[in-house]
Structures are given as structure tokens and as C-alpha cells.
Amino acid sequence: MKTKPIIVIALLISSILLAARFVPGTSADQFKEGKYIHVDNMVIQFEKTNATIYIDYHLNPFAQAYISLFGSKNLEPKIKEIFSEFKGVKIQTIGISSASLQVLNISREEAGNYLCDPYELGVQSDVVTFVYPPKGKTRSYENVKVTPPVVYYYN
């Protein structure tokens, strides 16, 4: 095995970790309990009983280096873990700082309204914004670990 690629990778990871210590806005508190992902913003856009979820996140420096080297596909298990209470989750796109998902049957229809029960998230999100049909009205919540119950209608 050649040692040059190993040395280059080690130097790359070391420099990323060192640089991250001096970057403002990165706090160890954001990555409590050994978590390597911090969800900054989540948008849940309803369409009848389904929803599209867009999430913006950032990774701790080691995870950033790992994903830079091996690809964002390695984030899929963590993203699925965050939404483990949701049934029918399909990851549409995933990148180093954002992802979009399709969630089937997140709500149920009753008497012309759609009801979405509370769901516990695998991490706490700084902001969760709900986009209600049909006009795209929004409502945001801060520091969300469990989504609130939601009622909306769809014309």
C-alpha cells in the first residue's frame, strides 16, 4: 500500500479540523451527544396526504472531511434516522449541507381536512416551517424536537 495517499488524507483531515477550531459560528454545543449533524432549518410542504421536506444542516468538521472524501451518499442512514418515525420516506436529493425528501401518507384526510399528527425527530431542528396548501401560507416554530399537530385543507 502506498503511503503518500494516506499522508495526504491525514494532512487534509488535520487541516480541516484545525481550521474548524478558528471558524466563528461553530460551537461544540451544536454537536452534543456525539452527533455529527446539526439541523438548521426544515421546511415541510404539504400536498394532500403527502409532503416534501427540505432540510438545511451543517456537519461537524470531521464529518465534513469524511463526506468530502467519500461522498454525501454516506449521509443517507443519518437522514433516515432523523425521520425514522415517518413512514414512506424517500430521499430525493442529498448534499453536503441540504437534502430533500418525499414523505408518503404523512397526513390523513377527515371531513375535508387533512390532519398531521406530531412526529418526533431524531434531532432538534433550529427552525421548522410548515407550508400549507393551497396558497402556500407558512408557519414557523423554533427549537423543534417534536412536530406540532397540523390541520390544513386542500382545494
C-alpha atoms as a PDB file:
ATOM      1  CA  MET A   1       0.000   0.000   0.000  1.00  0.00           C
ATOM      2  CA  LYS A   2       1.311   3.403  -0.916  1.00  0.00           C
ATOM      3  CA  THR A   3       1.852   5.770   1.971  1.00  0.00           C
ATOM      4  CA  LYS A   4       1.601   9.013   0.026  1.00  0.00           C
ATOM      5  CA  PRO A   5      -2.242   8.955  -0.327  1.00  0.00           C
ATOM      6  CA  ILE A   6      -2.600   8.098   3.373  1.00  0.00           C
ATOM      7  CA  ILE A   7      -0.365  11.006   4.378  1.00  0.00           C
ATOM      8  CA  VAL A   8      -2.295  13.388   2.106  1.00  0.00           C
ATOM      9  CA  ILE A   9      -5.630  12.282   3.592  1.00  0.00           C
ATOM     10  CA  ALA A  10      -4.296  12.619   7.151  1.00  0.00           C
ATOM     11  CA  LEU A  11      -2.963  16.112   6.430  1.00  0.00           C
ATOM     12  CA  LEU A  12      -6.257  17.108   4.805  1.00  0.00           C
ATOM     13  CA  ILE A  13      -8.311  15.931   7.783  1.00  0.00           C
ATOM     14  CA  SER A  14      -5.904  17.555  10.253  1.00  0.00           C
ATOM     15  CA  SER A  15      -6.026  20.899   8.445  1.00  0.00           C
ATOM     16  CA  ILE A  16      -9.845  20.832   8.277  1.00  0.00           C
ATOM     17  CA  LEU A  17     -10.085  20.082  11.992  1.00  0.00           C
ATOM     18  CA  LEU A  18      -7.578  22.811  12.829  1.00  0.00           C
ATOM     19  CA  ALA A  19      -9.348  25.363  10.618  1.00  0.00           C
ATOM     20  CA  ALA A  20     -12.711  24.493  12.166  1.00  0.00           C
ATOM     21  CA  ARG A  21     -11.451  25.493  15.619  1.00  0.00           C
ATOM     22  CA  PHE A  22     -10.988  29.052  14.385  1.00  0.00           C
ATOM     23  CA  VAL A  23     -14.196  29.374  12.336  1.00  0.00           C
ATOM     24  CA  PRO A  24     -16.727  31.607  14.075  1.00  0.00           C
ATOM     25  CA  GLY A  25     -20.218  30.217  14.495  1.00  0.00           C
ATOM     26  CA  THR A  26     -19.135  26.621  15.010  1.00  0.00           C
ATOM     27  CA  SER A  27     -19.808  25.576  18.562  1.00  0.00           C
ATOM     28  CA  ALA A  28     -19.279  22.246  20.232  1.00  0.00           C
ATOM     29  CA  ASP A  29     -22.710  22.686  21.838  1.00  0.00           C
ATOM     30  CA  GLN A  30     -24.294  22.244  18.418  1.00  0.00           C
ATOM     31  CA  PHE A  31     -22.953  18.709  18.228  1.00  0.00           C
ATOM     32  CA  LYS A  32     -23.927  17.360  21.653  1.00  0.00           C
ATOM     33  CA  GLU A  33     -24.120  13.666  22.429  1.00  0.00           C
ATOM     34  CA  GLY A  34     -21.655  12.711  19.697  1.00  0.00           C
ATOM     35  CA  LYS A  35     -23.986  13.821  16.911  1.00  0.00           C
ATOM     36  CA  TYR A  36     -22.214  14.966  13.798  1.00  0.00           C
ATOM     37  CA  ILE A  37     -25.141  16.723  12.122  1.00  0.00           C
ATOM     38  CA  HIS A  38     -26.966  19.877  13.213  1.00  0.00           C
ATOM     39  CA  VAL A  39     -30.277  20.715  11.511  1.00  0.00           C
ATOM     40  CA  ASP A  40     -30.543  24.459  10.939  1.00  0.00           C
ATOM     41  CA  ASN A  41     -33.803  24.635   9.032  1.00  0.00           C
ATOM     42  CA  MET A  42     -36.537  22.254   7.947  1.00  0.00           C
ATOM     43  CA  VAL A  43     -39.412  23.084   5.582  1.00  0.00           C
ATOM     44  CA  ILE A  44     -42.376  20.706   5.383  1.00  0.00           C
ATOM     45  CA  GLN A  45     -44.545  21.410   2.355  1.00  0.00           C
ATOM     46  CA  PHE A  46     -47.871  19.558   2.355  1.00  0.00           C
ATOM     47  CA  GLU A  47     -49.699  18.259  -0.691  1.00  0.00           C
ATOM     48  CA  LYS A  48     -52.835  16.329   0.228  1.00  0.00           C
ATOM     49  CA  THR A  49     -51.683  13.377   2.385  1.00  0.00           C
ATOM     50  CA  ASN A  50     -48.031  13.603   1.300  1.00  0.00           C
ATOM     51  CA  ALA A  51     -45.276  16.125   1.963  1.00  0.00           C
ATOM     52  CA  THR A  52     -41.929  17.221   0.623  1.00  0.00           C
ATOM     53  CA  ILE A  53     -39.364  18.030   3.295  1.00  0.00           C
ATOM     54  CA  TYR A  54     -36.349  20.235   2.651  1.00  0.00           C
ATOM     55  CA  ILE A  55     -33.631  20.329   5.302  1.00  0.00           C
ATOM     56  CA  ASP A  56     -30.566  22.514   5.673  1.00  0.00           C
ATOM     57  CA  TYR A  57     -27.875  21.261   8.036  1.00  0.00           C
ATOM     58  CA  HIS A  58     -24.215  21.511   8.795  1.00  0.00           C
ATOM     59  CA  LEU A  59     -21.768  18.846   9.847  1.00  0.00           C
ATOM     60  CA  ASN A  60     -19.028  18.812  12.425  1.00  0.00           C
ATOM     61  CA  PRO A  61     -15.535  19.225  10.912  1.00  0.00           C
ATOM     62  CA  PHE A  62     -14.658  15.535  10.964  1.00  0.00           C
ATOM     63  CA  ALA A  63     -17.919  14.603   9.233  1.00  0.00           C
ATOM     64  CA  GLN A  64     -17.332  17.350   6.649  1.00  0.00           C
ATOM     65  CA  ALA A  65     -13.934  15.885   5.856  1.00  0.00           C
ATOM     66  CA  TYR A  66     -15.354  12.361   5.642  1.00  0.00           C
ATOM     67  CA  ILE A  67     -18.218  13.399   3.348  1.00  0.00           C
ATOM     68  CA  SER A  68     -15.837  15.461   1.203  1.00  0.00           C
ATOM     69  CA  LEU A  69     -13.682  12.390   0.690  1.00  0.00           C
ATOM     70  CA  PHE A  70     -16.329   9.668   0.372  1.00  0.00           C
ATOM     71  CA  GLY A  71     -19.463  11.474  -0.843  1.00  0.00           C
ATOM     72  CA  SER A  72     -22.763  12.669   0.577  1.00  0.00           C
ATOM     73  CA  LYS A  73     -24.396   9.302  -0.117  1.00  0.00           C
ATOM     74  CA  ASN A  74     -22.926   8.266   3.253  1.00  0.00           C
ATOM     75  CA  LEU A  75     -25.347  10.697   4.975  1.00  0.00           C
ATOM     76  CA  GLU A  76     -28.417   8.693   3.914  1.00  0.00           C
ATOM     77  CA  PRO A  77     -28.558   6.484   7.046  1.00  0.00           C
ATOM     78  CA  LYS A  78     -28.389   9.549   9.326  1.00  0.00           C
ATOM     79  CA  ILE A  79     -31.084  11.389   7.351  1.00  0.00           C
ATOM     80  CA  LYS A  80     -33.322   8.307   7.523  1.00  0.00           C
ATOM     81  CA  GLU A  81     -32.634   8.079  11.271  1.00  0.00           C
ATOM     82  CA  ILE A  82     -33.790  11.691  11.762  1.00  0.00           C
ATOM     83  CA  PHE A  83     -37.103  10.805  10.099  1.00  0.00           C
ATOM     84  CA  SER A  84     -37.444   7.277  11.491  1.00  0.00           C
ATOM     85  CA  GLU A  85     -40.964   7.935  12.881  1.00  0.00           C
ATOM     86  CA  PHE A  86     -42.200   8.903   9.424  1.00  0.00           C
ATOM     87  CA  LYS A  87     -43.419   6.095   7.176  1.00  0.00           C
ATOM     88  CA  GLY A  88     -42.713   6.055   3.454  1.00  0.00           C
ATOM     89  CA  VAL A  89     -39.635   8.325   3.434  1.00  0.00           C
ATOM     90  CA  LYS A  90     -37.813   8.559   0.107  1.00  0.00           C
ATOM     91  CA  ILE A  91     -34.666  10.662  -0.197  1.00  0.00           C
ATOM     92  CA  GLN A  92     -34.842  12.696  -3.406  1.00  0.00           C
ATOM     93  CA  THR A  93     -31.575  14.622  -3.200  1.00  0.00           C
ATOM     94  CA  ILE A  94     -28.795  14.754  -0.651  1.00  0.00           C
ATOM     95  CA  GLY A  95     -25.767  17.016  -0.462  1.00  0.00           C
ATOM     96  CA  ILE A  96     -23.126  18.143   1.982  1.00  0.00           C
ATOM     97  CA  SER A  97     -25.430  20.804   3.516  1.00  0.00           C
ATOM     98  CA  SER A  98     -29.003  20.055   2.382  1.00  0.00           C
ATOM     99  CA  ALA A  99     -31.401  17.303   1.405  1.00  0.00           C
ATOM    100  CA  SER A 100     -34.941  16.892   0.123  1.00  0.00           C
ATOM    101  CA  LEU A 101     -37.256  14.015   0.932  1.00  0.00           C
ATOM    102  CA  GLN A 102     -40.673  12.810  -0.129  1.00  0.00           C
ATOM    103  CA  VAL A 103     -42.858  11.507   2.704  1.00  0.00           C
ATOM    104  CA  LEU A 104     -45.914   9.489   1.756  1.00  0.00           C
ATOM    105  CA  ASN A 105     -49.018   9.424   3.942  1.00  0.00           C
ATOM    106  CA  ILE A 106     -47.735  11.927   6.494  1.00  0.00           C
ATOM    107  CA  SER A 107     -51.355  13.109   6.949  1.00  0.00           C
ATOM    108  CA  ARG A 108     -54.806  11.621   6.816  1.00  0.00           C
ATOM    109  CA  GLU A 109     -57.992  13.064   5.378  1.00  0.00           C
ATOM    110  CA  GLU A 110     -61.022  13.543   7.634  1.00  0.00           C
ATOM    111  CA  ALA A 111     -64.159  15.527   6.778  1.00  0.00           C
ATOM    112  CA  GLY A 112     -62.475  17.622   4.082  1.00  0.00           C
ATOM    113  CA  ASN A 113     -59.481  18.489   6.266  1.00  0.00           C
ATOM    114  CA  TYR A 114     -56.052  16.903   6.440  1.00  0.00           C
ATOM    115  CA  LEU A 115     -54.626  16.012   9.835  1.00  0.00           C
ATOM    116  CA  CYS A 116     -50.920  15.513  10.508  1.00  0.00           C
ATOM    117  CA  ASP A 117     -50.092  14.006  13.882  1.00  0.00           C
ATOM    118  CA  PRO A 118     -46.989  15.018  15.871  1.00  0.00           C
ATOM    119  CA  TYR A 119     -43.772  13.232  14.938  1.00  0.00           C
ATOM    120  CA  GLU A 120     -40.589  13.023  16.978  1.00  0.00           C
ATOM    121  CA  LEU A 121     -37.487  13.977  15.033  1.00  0.00           C
ATOM    122  CA  GLY A 122     -34.165  12.213  15.516  1.00  0.00           C
ATOM    123  CA  VAL A 123     -32.501  15.591  16.201  1.00  0.00           C
ATOM    124  CA  GLN A 124     -33.645  19.036  17.240  1.00  0.00           C
ATOM    125  CA  SER A 125     -34.129  21.499  14.390  1.00  0.00           C
ATOM    126  CA  ASP A 126     -33.453  25.197  14.947  1.00  0.00           C
ATOM    127  CA  VAL A 127     -36.466  26.133  12.796  1.00  0.00           C
ATOM    128  CA  VAL A 128     -39.297  24.083  11.284  1.00  0.00           C
ATOM    129  CA  THR A 129     -41.546  25.814   8.764  1.00  0.00           C
ATOM    130  CA  PHE A 130     -44.829  24.335   7.579  1.00  0.00           C
ATOM    131  CA  VAL A 131     -46.104  25.335   4.130  1.00  0.00           C
ATOM    132  CA  TYR A 132     -49.865  24.869   3.939  1.00  0.00           C
ATOM    133  CA  PRO A 133     -51.804  24.342   0.726  1.00  0.00           C
ATOM    134  CA  PRO A 134     -53.425  25.683  -1.350  1.00  0.00           C
ATOM    135  CA  LYS A 135     -51.934  29.204  -1.124  1.00  0.00           C
ATOM    136  CA  GLY A 136     -48.551  28.434   0.432  1.00  0.00           C
ATOM    137  CA  LYS A 137     -49.247  30.057   3.797  1.00  0.00           C
ATOM    138  CA  THR A 138     -46.378  29.369   6.235  1.00  0.00           C
ATOM    139  CA  ARG A 139     -45.900  28.995   9.958  1.00  0.00           C
ATOM    140  CA  SER A 140     -42.534  28.564  11.665  1.00  0.00           C
ATOM    141  CA  TYR A 141     -41.518  27.069  15.006  1.00  0.00           C
ATOM    142  CA  GLU A 142     -38.144  27.290  16.760  1.00  0.00           C
ATOM    143  CA  ASN A 143     -36.124  24.563  18.518  1.00  0.00           C
ATOM    144  CA  VAL A 144     -38.337  21.689  17.443  1.00  0.00           C
ATOM    145  CA  LYS A 145     -37.748  18.113  18.557  1.00  0.00           C
ATOM    146  CA  VAL A 146     -41.402  17.032  18.078  1.00  0.00           C
ATOM    147  CA  THR A 147     -43.522  18.486  15.300  1.00  0.00           C
ATOM    148  CA  PRO A 148     -46.801  20.032  16.447  1.00  0.00           C
ATOM    149  CA  PRO A 149     -50.111  18.594  15.239  1.00  0.00           C
ATOM    150  CA  VAL A 150     -51.205  20.235  11.996  1.00  0.00           C
ATOM    151  CA  VAL A 151     -54.616  20.691  10.379  1.00  0.00           C
ATOM    152  CA  TYR A 152     -54.999  22.027   6.819  1.00  0.00           C
ATOM    153  CA  TYR A 153     -57.306  21.778   3.853  1.00  0.00           C
ATOM    154  CA  TYR A 154     -56.546  21.274   0.183  1.00  0.00           C
ATOM    155  CA  ASN A 155     -58.756  22.531  -2.663  1.00  0.00           C
END
